[in-house]
N, C-alpha and C. Protein backbone atom coordinates (compact mmCIF):
# COMPACT_ATOMS: atom_id res chain seq x y z
N MET A 1 47.37 -24.75 -5.55
CA MET A 1 46.65 -26.19 -5.91
C MET A 1 45.80 -26.10 -7.05
N SER A 2 44.97 -25.35 -7.19
CA SER A 2 44.15 -25.16 -8.15
C SER A 2 44.73 -24.92 -9.66
N PHE A 3 45.67 -24.31 -9.82
CA PHE A 3 46.43 -24.06 -10.93
C PHE A 3 47.41 -24.97 -11.42
N PHE A 4 47.87 -25.68 -10.74
CA PHE A 4 49.21 -26.73 -10.83
C PHE A 4 49.04 -28.17 -11.08
N ASP A 5 47.74 -28.68 -10.69
CA ASP A 5 47.45 -30.14 -10.93
C ASP A 5 46.55 -30.10 -12.27
N LEU A 6 46.14 -31.45 -12.45
CA LEU A 6 45.40 -31.85 -13.67
C LEU A 6 43.95 -31.52 -13.32
N ASN A 7 43.61 -31.13 -12.14
CA ASN A 7 42.08 -31.16 -11.80
C ASN A 7 41.73 -29.50 -11.70
N ASN A 8 42.75 -28.50 -12.31
CA ASN A 8 42.37 -27.05 -12.38
C ASN A 8 41.00 -26.87 -13.18
N ILE A 9 40.67 -25.65 -13.25
CA ILE A 9 39.34 -25.27 -13.82
C ILE A 9 39.59 -25.21 -15.33
N PHE A 10 40.70 -24.94 -15.76
CA PHE A 10 40.80 -24.82 -17.25
C PHE A 10 40.75 -26.22 -17.91
N PHE A 11 41.51 -27.07 -17.10
CA PHE A 11 41.57 -28.40 -17.76
C PHE A 11 40.28 -29.10 -17.63
N ARG A 12 39.48 -28.75 -16.58
CA ARG A 12 37.94 -29.32 -16.63
C ARG A 12 37.06 -28.93 -17.62
N TYR A 13 37.29 -27.47 -17.89
CA TYR A 13 36.32 -26.90 -18.97
C TYR A 13 36.84 -27.43 -20.29
N GLN A 14 38.06 -27.66 -20.73
CA GLN A 14 38.49 -28.19 -22.02
C GLN A 14 37.66 -29.57 -21.88
N LEU A 15 38.12 -30.51 -20.66
CA LEU A 15 37.26 -31.98 -20.73
C LEU A 15 35.90 -31.82 -21.13
N LEU A 16 35.10 -30.70 -20.38
CA LEU A 16 33.68 -30.96 -20.79
C LEU A 16 33.35 -30.35 -22.01
N ASN A 17 34.09 -29.64 -22.68
CA ASN A 17 33.75 -29.00 -24.03
C ASN A 17 34.23 -30.28 -24.87
N GLU A 18 35.28 -31.06 -24.76
CA GLU A 18 35.63 -32.14 -25.54
C GLU A 18 34.50 -33.48 -25.40
N ILE A 19 33.96 -33.59 -24.29
CA ILE A 19 32.81 -34.46 -24.08
C ILE A 19 31.60 -34.00 -24.74
N SER A 20 31.15 -32.83 -24.91
CA SER A 20 30.08 -32.34 -25.44
C SER A 20 30.24 -32.44 -26.90
N ILE A 21 31.35 -32.14 -27.52
CA ILE A 21 31.71 -32.49 -28.86
C ILE A 21 31.58 -34.11 -29.32
N LEU A 22 32.21 -34.82 -28.43
CA LEU A 22 32.12 -36.26 -28.63
C LEU A 22 30.95 -36.89 -28.45
N GLU A 23 29.95 -36.23 -27.62
CA GLU A 23 28.40 -37.04 -27.64
C GLU A 23 27.79 -36.55 -28.77
N ASP A 24 27.91 -35.30 -29.44
CA ASP A 24 27.36 -34.73 -30.55
C ASP A 24 27.77 -35.60 -31.70
N ASN A 25 28.82 -35.97 -31.78
CA ASN A 25 29.43 -37.20 -32.82
C ASN A 25 28.51 -38.44 -32.72
N ILE A 26 28.52 -38.81 -31.54
CA ILE A 26 27.61 -40.18 -31.05
C ILE A 26 26.40 -40.03 -31.63
N ASP A 27 25.75 -39.11 -31.40
CA ASP A 27 24.43 -38.88 -32.08
C ASP A 27 24.32 -38.63 -33.36
N GLU A 28 25.26 -38.21 -34.05
CA GLU A 28 25.13 -38.23 -35.66
C GLU A 28 25.77 -39.54 -36.10
N HIS A 29 26.47 -40.19 -35.44
CA HIS A 29 26.79 -41.47 -35.99
C HIS A 29 25.63 -42.30 -35.86
N ASN A 30 24.89 -42.38 -34.56
CA ASN A 30 23.75 -43.27 -34.47
C ASN A 30 22.70 -43.18 -35.39
N SER A 31 22.40 -41.77 -35.83
CA SER A 31 21.42 -41.45 -36.85
C SER A 31 21.90 -41.95 -38.31
N LYS A 32 23.22 -41.85 -38.52
CA LYS A 32 23.54 -42.61 -39.60
C LYS A 32 23.51 -43.96 -39.76
N ILE A 33 23.78 -44.60 -38.49
CA ILE A 33 23.48 -46.14 -38.62
C ILE A 33 22.09 -46.55 -38.93
N ALA A 34 21.25 -45.78 -38.07
CA ALA A 34 19.83 -46.17 -38.40
C ALA A 34 19.68 -45.84 -39.89
N GLU A 35 19.97 -44.94 -40.57
CA GLU A 35 19.53 -44.64 -41.71
C GLU A 35 20.28 -45.74 -42.79
N LEU A 36 21.23 -46.26 -42.37
CA LEU A 36 21.95 -47.16 -43.20
C LEU A 36 21.36 -48.59 -42.92
N GLU A 37 20.98 -48.93 -41.73
CA GLU A 37 20.24 -50.07 -41.37
C GLU A 37 18.84 -50.14 -42.14
N THR A 38 18.11 -49.24 -42.31
CA THR A 38 16.68 -49.18 -43.06
C THR A 38 17.24 -49.37 -44.73
N LEU A 39 18.07 -48.64 -45.21
CA LEU A 39 18.68 -48.78 -46.52
C LEU A 39 19.04 -50.32 -46.85
N LYS A 40 19.73 -50.97 -45.95
CA LYS A 40 20.06 -52.37 -45.68
C LYS A 40 18.92 -53.22 -45.87
N LYS A 41 17.95 -53.01 -44.88
CA LYS A 41 16.59 -53.65 -45.03
C LYS A 41 16.00 -53.57 -46.15
N ASP A 42 15.87 -52.28 -46.83
CA ASP A 42 15.09 -52.36 -48.02
C ASP A 42 15.80 -52.82 -49.17
N LEU A 43 17.11 -52.94 -49.16
CA LEU A 43 17.86 -53.59 -50.46
C LEU A 43 17.79 -55.18 -50.18
N LEU A 44 18.07 -55.73 -49.05
CA LEU A 44 18.20 -57.05 -48.77
C LEU A 44 17.02 -57.72 -48.82
N GLY A 45 15.73 -56.92 -48.58
CA GLY A 45 14.54 -57.33 -48.54
C GLY A 45 13.75 -57.59 -49.99
N ASN A 46 14.48 -57.17 -50.92
CA ASN A 46 13.65 -57.09 -52.15
C ASN A 46 15.02 -57.19 -53.29
N ASP A 47 14.84 -58.36 -54.11
CA ASP A 47 15.87 -58.22 -55.16
C ASP A 47 15.87 -57.36 -56.15
N ARG A 48 14.68 -56.71 -56.52
CA ARG A 48 14.45 -55.81 -57.62
C ARG A 48 15.04 -54.46 -57.07
N ASN A 49 14.86 -54.27 -55.67
CA ASN A 49 15.56 -52.83 -55.23
C ASN A 49 17.02 -53.25 -55.02
N LEU A 50 17.59 -54.29 -54.87
CA LEU A 50 18.87 -54.39 -54.87
C LEU A 50 19.58 -54.28 -56.39
N GLU A 51 18.82 -54.87 -57.21
CA GLU A 51 19.25 -54.77 -58.66
C GLU A 51 19.33 -53.42 -58.94
N ARG A 52 18.40 -52.64 -58.79
CA ARG A 52 18.35 -51.24 -59.19
C ARG A 52 19.52 -50.47 -58.51
N TYR A 53 19.71 -50.52 -57.14
CA TYR A 53 20.69 -49.93 -56.34
C TYR A 53 21.96 -50.19 -57.13
N ALA A 54 22.32 -51.42 -57.65
CA ALA A 54 23.53 -51.71 -58.06
C ALA A 54 23.55 -51.24 -59.59
N ARG A 55 22.59 -51.13 -60.47
CA ARG A 55 22.56 -50.40 -61.60
C ARG A 55 23.04 -48.99 -61.41
N VAL A 56 22.33 -48.33 -60.57
CA VAL A 56 22.36 -46.78 -60.27
C VAL A 56 23.65 -46.38 -59.99
N LYS A 57 24.11 -47.13 -58.83
CA LYS A 57 25.22 -46.66 -58.12
C LYS A 57 26.63 -47.15 -58.64
N TYR A 58 26.58 -48.35 -59.07
CA TYR A 58 27.71 -49.07 -59.57
C TYR A 58 27.86 -49.22 -60.86
N LEU A 59 26.80 -48.72 -61.56
CA LEU A 59 26.82 -48.98 -63.19
C LEU A 59 27.02 -50.34 -63.63
N MET A 60 26.19 -51.31 -63.01
CA MET A 60 26.27 -52.55 -63.34
C MET A 60 25.24 -52.78 -64.40
N LYS A 61 25.47 -54.01 -65.15
CA LYS A 61 24.36 -54.37 -66.23
C LYS A 61 24.24 -55.78 -66.20
N LYS A 62 23.34 -56.18 -67.04
CA LYS A 62 23.19 -57.56 -67.40
C LYS A 62 23.96 -57.95 -68.68
N ASP A 63 24.40 -59.26 -68.75
CA ASP A 63 25.23 -59.74 -70.00
C ASP A 63 24.73 -59.20 -71.52
N ASP A 64 23.49 -59.20 -71.59
CA ASP A 64 22.92 -59.04 -72.80
C ASP A 64 22.63 -57.46 -73.07
N GLU A 65 22.84 -56.44 -72.29
CA GLU A 65 22.32 -55.13 -72.22
C GLU A 65 23.75 -54.38 -72.51
N ASP A 66 23.39 -53.14 -73.13
CA ASP A 66 24.15 -52.22 -73.24
C ASP A 66 24.12 -51.09 -72.49
N LEU A 67 25.04 -50.47 -72.05
CA LEU A 67 25.03 -49.25 -70.92
C LEU A 67 25.49 -47.99 -71.59
N PHE A 68 24.66 -47.05 -71.57
CA PHE A 68 25.05 -45.55 -72.05
C PHE A 68 25.14 -44.72 -70.85
N VAL A 69 26.29 -44.17 -70.55
CA VAL A 69 26.53 -43.14 -69.40
C VAL A 69 26.47 -41.64 -70.06
N ILE A 70 25.51 -40.80 -69.65
CA ILE A 70 25.38 -39.58 -70.28
C ILE A 70 26.07 -38.45 -69.14
N VAL A 71 26.70 -37.82 -69.82
CA VAL A 71 27.32 -36.93 -68.92
C VAL A 71 27.19 -35.63 -69.36
N GLU A 72 26.64 -34.72 -68.52
CA GLU A 72 26.42 -33.22 -69.09
C GLU A 72 27.63 -32.35 -68.83
N GLU A 73 27.71 -31.72 -70.09
CA GLU A 73 29.21 -30.79 -70.02
C GLU A 73 28.74 -29.57 -69.40
N LYS A 74 29.65 -29.15 -68.68
CA LYS A 74 29.65 -27.79 -68.04
C LYS A 74 29.79 -26.60 -69.17
N LYS A 75 28.83 -25.81 -68.96
CA LYS A 75 28.77 -24.68 -70.08
C LYS A 75 29.76 -23.65 -69.65
N PRO A 76 30.52 -23.02 -70.64
CA PRO A 76 31.71 -22.13 -70.21
C PRO A 76 30.90 -20.58 -69.79
N THR A 77 31.47 -20.06 -68.87
CA THR A 77 31.09 -18.93 -68.48
C THR A 77 31.77 -17.89 -69.17
N LYS A 78 31.54 -16.48 -68.95
CA LYS A 78 31.88 -15.38 -69.52
C LYS A 78 33.37 -15.28 -69.37
N ASP A 79 33.83 -15.41 -68.09
CA ASP A 79 35.23 -15.56 -67.77
C ASP A 79 36.10 -16.51 -68.38
N GLU A 80 35.50 -17.62 -68.81
CA GLU A 80 36.44 -18.70 -69.28
C GLU A 80 36.90 -18.48 -70.85
């Protein structure tokens, strides 16, 4: 009986392991949500912060500005 139905020891162990992994994922997602909520509060609470975030993250600019993006080149190594 203990080896042939879905309530056997091996199946229970797999379920407990899966539950543990899923609970860890929930904790990670909750911490990420809290981090994003604070970022949202900082951005939406102040127009300067929102403008700075848009400029840095999405390379946005005002109509009368020029935007220069500087990309550092990778130095070749001896093998290349």
